[in-house]
């Protein structure tokens, strides 16, 4: 079975000196518009975690970036837009733990 897409999941911890509201504002209103400029990006989502409901979860949120292949994804992050995006991460994150997954869609619109 061939995967439908390659997905980069970025698990994010907010900066310790930043309020949660400022973290969310930066991610959604500064970082997300930069991410949407990445070449060949198929889909993008930001997922915020309700830490009051899930206090043991070690991250404040995670992003999902879909690409056709790992080669296309790597080229996207190596592009000028990718470099700008990655340079913005310290402006709102304490740490980010990216993983690459291969998606096998089961039920999909």
Protein backbone atom coordinates (compact mmCIF):
# COMPACT_ATOMS: atom_id res chain seq x y z
CA UNK A 1 0.00 0.00 0.00
CA UNK A 2 1.36 3.42 -0.97
CA UNK A 3 0.87 6.35 1.40
CA UNK A 4 -1.38 9.18 0.24
CA UNK A 5 0.88 11.92 1.57
CA UNK A 6 3.81 12.75 3.76
CA UNK A 7 2.98 14.80 6.78
CA UNK A 8 5.26 16.84 9.03
CA UNK A 9 3.86 17.10 12.54
CA UNK A 10 5.45 19.82 14.66
CA UNK A 11 4.69 19.34 18.35
CA UNK A 12 5.12 22.75 20.00
CA UNK A 13 5.80 24.02 23.51
CA UNK A 14 5.16 27.74 23.99
CA UNK A 15 7.90 30.04 25.20
CA UNK A 16 7.95 30.12 29.01
CA UNK A 17 8.06 33.94 29.09
CA UNK A 18 4.99 34.25 26.85
CA UNK A 19 1.34 34.20 27.83
CA UNK A 20 -0.84 31.55 26.25
CA UNK A 21 -2.89 34.24 24.47
CA UNK A 22 0.26 35.84 23.01
CA UNK A 23 1.49 32.40 21.93
CA UNK A 24 -1.78 31.64 20.13
CA UNK A 25 -1.88 35.11 18.57
CA UNK A 26 1.63 34.77 17.19
CA UNK A 27 1.08 31.26 15.88
CA UNK A 28 -2.21 32.05 14.14
CA UNK A 29 -1.54 35.61 12.97
CA UNK A 30 2.21 35.70 12.27
CA UNK A 31 3.57 32.18 11.87
CA UNK A 32 0.62 30.58 10.05
CA UNK A 33 0.62 33.21 7.26
CA UNK A 34 4.35 32.52 6.79
CA UNK A 35 3.66 28.79 6.64
CA UNK A 36 0.98 29.24 4.00
CA UNK A 37 3.66 30.71 1.71
CA UNK A 38 5.69 27.46 1.65
CA UNK A 39 6.02 26.12 -1.90
CA UNK A 40 4.14 22.93 -2.78
CA UNK A 41 2.32 22.70 0.55
CA UNK A 42 -0.85 20.66 0.01
CA UNK A 43 -2.58 21.18 3.36
CA UNK A 44 -1.81 22.91 6.64
CA UNK A 45 -3.49 22.95 10.03
CA UNK A 46 -2.76 24.29 13.50
CA UNK A 47 -4.08 22.24 16.42
CA UNK A 48 -4.23 23.91 19.83
CA UNK A 49 -4.36 21.70 22.92
CA UNK A 50 -6.62 22.63 25.84
CA UNK A 51 -4.08 22.16 28.63
CA UNK A 52 -6.79 22.54 31.31
CA UNK A 53 -8.49 19.43 29.95
CA UNK A 54 -5.23 17.64 29.16
CA UNK A 55 -2.67 18.94 31.68
CA UNK A 56 -0.38 15.91 31.31
CA UNK A 57 0.08 16.38 27.56
CA UNK A 58 3.56 17.83 27.09
CA UNK A 59 2.77 20.21 24.23
CA UNK A 60 0.63 23.31 23.73
CA UNK A 61 -0.25 22.36 20.17
CA UNK A 62 0.89 20.78 16.97
CA UNK A 63 0.94 21.65 13.31
CA UNK A 64 0.31 19.37 10.34
CA UNK A 65 1.87 20.09 6.97
CA UNK A 66 1.04 17.77 4.06
CA UNK A 67 3.30 17.23 1.08
CA UNK A 68 3.38 14.94 -1.95
CA UNK A 69 6.70 13.40 -0.88
CA UNK A 70 9.60 13.83 1.53
CA UNK A 71 11.73 15.24 -1.30
CA UNK A 72 9.13 17.93 -2.00
CA UNK A 73 8.83 18.67 1.73
CA UNK A 74 12.61 18.98 2.17
CA UNK A 75 12.84 21.34 -0.81
CA UNK A 76 9.99 23.43 0.63
CA UNK A 77 11.76 23.88 3.97
CA UNK A 78 15.06 24.64 2.18
CA UNK A 79 13.39 27.41 0.13
CA UNK A 80 13.68 31.10 1.11
CA UNK A 81 10.12 30.90 2.49
CA UNK A 82 11.06 27.84 4.53
CA UNK A 83 14.08 29.57 6.01
CA UNK A 84 11.96 32.57 7.04
CA UNK A 85 9.39 30.22 8.60
CA UNK A 86 11.98 28.28 10.60
CA UNK A 87 13.64 31.53 11.76
CA UNK A 88 10.30 32.61 13.28
CA UNK A 89 9.97 29.56 15.56
CA UNK A 90 11.96 31.04 18.50
CA UNK A 91 9.59 34.02 18.51
CA UNK A 92 6.83 31.91 20.06
CA UNK A 93 8.12 28.41 20.83
CA UNK A 94 10.31 27.10 23.63
CA UNK A 95 10.77 23.89 21.68
CA UNK A 96 9.36 22.05 18.72
CA UNK A 97 9.56 18.34 18.14
CA UNK A 98 8.95 17.57 14.45
CA UNK A 99 8.17 14.10 13.19
CA UNK A 100 7.49 12.83 9.69
CA UNK A 101 4.59 10.47 9.14
CA UNK A 102 3.28 8.71 6.07
CA UNK A 103 -0.46 9.01 5.89
CA UNK A 104 -2.68 6.15 4.79
CA UNK A 105 -6.12 7.66 4.39
CA UNK A 106 -8.96 5.35 5.40
CA UNK A 107 -12.06 7.53 5.39
CA UNK A 108 -11.53 10.83 3.63
CA UNK A 109 -13.90 13.41 2.19
